[in-house]
Amino acid sequence: MKLSDQHSPEGSCIILIGNKTDIEEWSVTEEQGQALADQYNIPFFLTSAKTGSNITEAFTKMAQMLKVKVESDCNFNGKNLHGKSVKLQ
């Protein structure tokens, strides 16, 4: 993804979110959003900040992705960058 490649470090966790699902007219269809997410092999969520729809699910997915990334990082040895032990739950 061009924008994320320019503005985020390599290996960043990325999810695609279509927001404002509470309004009737959308700029992008659900199918277009899902197709883009499929193209980049990233999760896709339709959300509404107004109604709260899928907000928790999107943040939960991002937290799960970050946990997996930290646990699988070849440099992760149970310590944070300051050498203190950490335990992921």
N, C-alpha and C. Protein backbone atom coordinates (compact mmCIF):
# COMPACT_ATOMS: atom_id res chain seq x y z
N MET A 1 0.85 -1.17 0.00
CA MET A 1 0.00 0.00 0.00
C MET A 1 0.89 1.22 0.00
N LYS A 2 0.72 2.03 -0.96
CA LYS A 2 1.61 3.16 -1.14
C LYS A 2 1.67 4.09 0.07
N LEU A 3 0.52 4.49 0.61
CA LEU A 3 0.51 5.42 1.74
C LEU A 3 1.20 4.83 2.96
N SER A 4 0.88 3.59 3.30
CA SER A 4 1.49 2.99 4.48
C SER A 4 2.97 2.75 4.27
N ASP A 5 3.38 2.44 3.03
CA ASP A 5 4.80 2.25 2.75
C ASP A 5 5.58 3.54 3.01
N GLN A 6 4.96 4.67 2.75
CA GLN A 6 5.63 5.96 2.92
C GLN A 6 5.62 6.44 4.37
N HIS A 7 4.64 6.00 5.15
CA HIS A 7 4.44 6.61 6.46
C HIS A 7 4.50 5.64 7.64
N SER A 8 4.93 4.41 7.40
CA SER A 8 5.03 3.48 8.51
C SER A 8 6.24 2.58 8.33
N PRO A 9 6.81 2.13 9.43
CA PRO A 9 7.99 1.27 9.34
C PRO A 9 7.65 -0.07 8.68
N GLU A 10 8.65 -0.68 8.09
CA GLU A 10 8.49 -2.00 7.50
C GLU A 10 8.01 -2.98 8.57
N GLY A 11 7.09 -3.84 8.21
CA GLY A 11 6.58 -4.83 9.15
C GLY A 11 5.46 -4.33 10.04
N SER A 12 4.94 -3.13 9.76
CA SER A 12 3.84 -2.59 10.57
C SER A 12 2.60 -3.45 10.42
N CYS A 13 1.80 -3.51 11.47
CA CYS A 13 0.51 -4.20 11.42
C CYS A 13 -0.50 -3.23 10.83
N ILE A 14 -1.22 -3.69 9.81
CA ILE A 14 -2.16 -2.81 9.11
C ILE A 14 -3.51 -3.49 8.99
N ILE A 15 -4.57 -2.74 9.29
CA ILE A 15 -5.93 -3.19 9.00
C ILE A 15 -6.60 -2.08 8.19
N LEU A 16 -7.55 -2.47 7.37
CA LEU A 16 -8.30 -1.51 6.55
C LEU A 16 -9.68 -1.34 7.17
N ILE A 17 -10.06 -0.08 7.40
CA ILE A 17 -11.34 0.20 8.04
C ILE A 17 -12.17 1.12 7.15
N GLY A 18 -13.39 0.68 6.87
CA GLY A 18 -14.37 1.53 6.22
C GLY A 18 -15.26 2.10 7.30
N ASN A 19 -15.20 3.40 7.51
CA ASN A 19 -15.92 4.02 8.62
C ASN A 19 -17.19 4.71 8.12
N LYS A 20 -17.98 5.14 9.06
CA LYS A 20 -19.24 5.85 8.82
C LYS A 20 -20.29 4.97 8.15
N THR A 21 -20.36 3.73 8.58
CA THR A 21 -21.35 2.82 8.01
C THR A 21 -22.78 3.18 8.43
N ASP A 22 -22.90 4.16 9.31
CA ASP A 22 -24.22 4.60 9.75
C ASP A 22 -24.88 5.55 8.74
N ILE A 23 -24.14 6.02 7.75
CA ILE A 23 -24.74 6.89 6.73
C ILE A 23 -25.11 6.05 5.51
N GLU A 24 -26.02 6.57 4.70
CA GLU A 24 -26.54 5.79 3.59
C GLU A 24 -25.63 5.75 2.38
N GLU A 25 -25.01 6.86 2.03
CA GLU A 25 -24.17 6.90 0.83
C GLU A 25 -22.71 6.70 1.21
N TRP A 26 -22.09 5.71 0.59
CA TRP A 26 -20.68 5.42 0.84
C TRP A 26 -19.86 5.78 -0.38
N SER A 27 -18.65 6.22 -0.17
CA SER A 27 -17.73 6.51 -1.27
C SER A 27 -17.16 5.24 -1.88
N VAL A 28 -17.04 4.22 -1.05
CA VAL A 28 -16.47 2.93 -1.46
C VAL A 28 -17.43 1.84 -1.01
N THR A 29 -17.65 0.86 -1.87
CA THR A 29 -18.54 -0.24 -1.49
C THR A 29 -17.82 -1.23 -0.59
N GLU A 30 -18.60 -2.03 0.11
CA GLU A 30 -18.02 -3.08 0.95
C GLU A 30 -17.18 -4.03 0.10
N GLU A 31 -17.65 -4.32 -1.09
CA GLU A 31 -16.93 -5.23 -1.98
C GLU A 31 -15.58 -4.64 -2.39
N GLN A 32 -15.54 -3.33 -2.67
CA GLN A 32 -14.28 -2.68 -3.03
C GLN A 32 -13.30 -2.70 -1.86
N GLY A 33 -13.80 -2.44 -0.66
CA GLY A 33 -12.95 -2.48 0.53
C GLY A 33 -12.39 -3.87 0.77
N GLN A 34 -13.26 -4.87 0.67
CA GLN A 34 -12.82 -6.25 0.89
C GLN A 34 -11.82 -6.68 -0.19
N ALA A 35 -12.05 -6.27 -1.43
CA ALA A 35 -11.13 -6.62 -2.51
C ALA A 35 -9.75 -6.01 -2.26
N LEU A 36 -9.70 -4.76 -1.79
CA LEU A 36 -8.41 -4.13 -1.48
C LEU A 36 -7.72 -4.84 -0.33
N ALA A 37 -8.48 -5.17 0.70
CA ALA A 37 -7.92 -5.89 1.84
C ALA A 37 -7.40 -7.26 1.40
N ASP A 38 -8.15 -7.95 0.55
CA ASP A 38 -7.71 -9.24 0.05
C ASP A 38 -6.43 -9.11 -0.78
N GLN A 39 -6.36 -8.04 -1.57
CA GLN A 39 -5.17 -7.80 -2.41
C GLN A 39 -3.91 -7.68 -1.56
N TYR A 40 -4.02 -7.04 -0.40
CA TYR A 40 -2.86 -6.84 0.47
C TYR A 40 -2.81 -7.83 1.62
N ASN A 41 -3.77 -8.76 1.65
CA ASN A 41 -3.82 -9.79 2.69
C ASN A 41 -3.87 -9.17 4.09
N ILE A 42 -4.79 -8.22 4.26
CA ILE A 42 -4.97 -7.55 5.55
C ILE A 42 -6.45 -7.65 5.95
N PRO A 43 -6.73 -7.58 7.25
CA PRO A 43 -8.12 -7.61 7.70
C PRO A 43 -8.88 -6.36 7.28
N PHE A 44 -10.19 -6.52 7.11
CA PHE A 44 -11.06 -5.40 6.71
C PHE A 44 -12.26 -5.35 7.65
N PHE A 45 -12.57 -4.16 8.13
CA PHE A 45 -13.72 -3.96 9.00
C PHE A 45 -14.54 -2.78 8.51
N LEU A 46 -15.84 -2.93 8.55
CA LEU A 46 -16.75 -1.81 8.36
C LEU A 46 -17.15 -1.35 9.75
N THR A 47 -16.99 -0.06 10.04
CA THR A 47 -17.25 0.44 11.39
C THR A 47 -18.11 1.70 11.37
N SER A 48 -18.61 2.03 12.52
CA SER A 48 -19.28 3.31 12.74
C SER A 48 -18.89 3.81 14.12
N ALA A 49 -18.21 4.92 14.16
CA ALA A 49 -17.88 5.51 15.45
C ALA A 49 -19.15 6.02 16.13
N LYS A 50 -20.12 6.43 15.32
CA LYS A 50 -21.37 6.97 15.86
C LYS A 50 -22.16 5.90 16.62
N THR A 51 -22.28 4.71 16.03
CA THR A 51 -23.06 3.65 16.66
C THR A 51 -22.19 2.68 17.45
N GLY A 52 -20.88 2.73 17.22
CA GLY A 52 -19.97 1.80 17.90
C GLY A 52 -19.84 0.46 17.19
N SER A 53 -20.46 0.33 16.03
CA SER A 53 -20.44 -0.93 15.29
C SER A 53 -19.02 -1.32 14.87
N ASN A 54 -18.61 -2.51 15.29
CA ASN A 54 -17.33 -3.13 14.93
C ASN A 54 -16.08 -2.39 15.45
N ILE A 55 -16.24 -1.41 16.29
CA ILE A 55 -15.08 -0.69 16.83
C ILE A 55 -14.25 -1.63 17.72
N THR A 56 -14.91 -2.29 18.65
CA THR A 56 -14.20 -3.22 19.54
C THR A 56 -13.54 -4.33 18.75
N GLU A 57 -14.23 -4.86 17.75
CA GLU A 57 -13.68 -5.94 16.94
C GLU A 57 -12.43 -5.50 16.19
N ALA A 58 -12.44 -4.29 15.63
CA ALA A 58 -11.27 -3.79 14.90
C ALA A 58 -10.07 -3.59 15.83
N PHE A 59 -10.30 -3.00 16.99
CA PHE A 59 -9.20 -2.80 17.93
C PHE A 59 -8.70 -4.13 18.51
N THR A 60 -9.61 -5.06 18.73
CA THR A 60 -9.21 -6.38 19.22
C THR A 60 -8.33 -7.09 18.20
N LYS A 61 -8.72 -7.02 16.93
CA LYS A 61 -7.92 -7.64 15.87
C LYS A 61 -6.53 -7.02 15.81
N MET A 62 -6.44 -5.70 15.91
CA MET A 62 -5.14 -5.03 15.87
C MET A 62 -4.30 -5.46 17.07
N ALA A 63 -4.89 -5.55 18.24
CA ALA A 63 -4.15 -6.00 19.42
C ALA A 63 -3.65 -7.43 19.25
N GLN A 64 -4.49 -8.30 18.68
CA GLN A 64 -4.06 -9.68 18.43
C GLN A 64 -2.89 -9.71 17.45
N MET A 65 -2.98 -8.91 16.40
CA MET A 65 -1.90 -8.87 15.41
C MET A 65 -0.59 -8.38 16.04
N LEU A 66 -0.68 -7.35 16.87
CA LEU A 66 0.51 -6.82 17.54
C LEU A 66 1.11 -7.85 18.49
N LYS A 67 0.27 -8.57 19.20
CA LYS A 67 0.76 -9.59 20.12
C LYS A 67 1.51 -10.67 19.35
N VAL A 68 0.93 -11.15 18.25
CA VAL A 68 1.59 -12.17 17.44
C VAL A 68 2.92 -11.64 16.90
N LYS A 69 2.93 -10.39 16.45
CA LYS A 69 4.16 -9.81 15.91
C LYS A 69 5.26 -9.75 16.97
N VAL A 70 4.91 -9.30 18.15
CA VAL A 70 5.90 -9.19 19.22
C VAL A 70 6.41 -10.57 19.62
N GLU A 71 5.49 -11.53 19.73
CA GLU A 71 5.89 -12.87 20.13
C GLU A 71 6.74 -13.57 19.08
N SER A 72 6.50 -13.26 17.80
CA SER A 72 7.23 -13.94 16.75
C SER A 72 8.50 -13.19 16.31
N ASP A 73 8.68 -12.00 16.82
CA ASP A 73 9.86 -11.21 16.46
C ASP A 73 11.11 -11.99 16.88
N CYS A 74 12.00 -12.20 15.93
CA CYS A 74 13.18 -13.03 16.23
C CYS A 74 14.07 -12.40 17.30
N ASN A 75 13.92 -11.12 17.54
CA ASN A 75 14.72 -10.46 18.57
C ASN A 75 14.04 -10.47 19.93
N PHE A 76 12.79 -10.93 20.00
CA PHE A 76 12.06 -10.92 21.25
C PHE A 76 12.50 -12.10 22.11
N ASN A 77 13.01 -11.82 23.29
CA ASN A 77 13.50 -12.88 24.18
C ASN A 77 12.89 -12.76 25.57
N GLY A 78 11.68 -12.19 25.62
CA GLY A 78 11.01 -12.04 26.90
C GLY A 78 11.42 -10.77 27.63
N LYS A 79 12.13 -9.89 26.95
CA LYS A 79 12.56 -8.63 27.57
C LYS A 79 12.18 -7.48 26.65
N ASN A 80 11.89 -6.33 27.24
CA ASN A 80 11.59 -5.17 26.42
C ASN A 80 12.90 -4.49 26.01
N LEU A 81 12.80 -3.36 25.35
CA LEU A 81 14.00 -2.67 24.85
C LEU A 81 14.93 -2.20 25.96
N HIS A 82 14.42 -2.11 27.18
CA HIS A 82 15.23 -1.66 28.30
C HIS A 82 15.77 -2.83 29.12
N GLY A 83 15.58 -4.05 28.61
CA GLY A 83 16.10 -5.23 29.28
C GLY A 83 15.25 -5.75 30.42
N LYS A 84 14.06 -5.17 30.62
CA LYS A 84 13.18 -5.63 31.69
C LYS A 84 12.28 -6.74 31.15
N SER A 85 12.03 -7.75 31.97
CA SER A 85 11.19 -8.87 31.55
C SER A 85 9.75 -8.42 31.33
N VAL A 86 9.15 -8.99 30.29
CA VAL A 86 7.75 -8.70 30.00
C VAL A 86 7.04 -10.02 29.77
N LYS A 87 5.75 -10.04 30.10
CA LYS A 87 4.94 -11.22 29.85
C LYS A 87 3.69 -10.78 29.12
N LEU A 88 3.46 -11.34 27.96
CA LEU A 88 2.26 -11.01 27.18
C LEU A 88 1.13 -11.93 27.60
N GLN A 89 -0.05 -11.37 27.75
CA GLN A 89 -1.19 -12.19 28.16
C GLN A 89 -2.15 -12.37 27.01
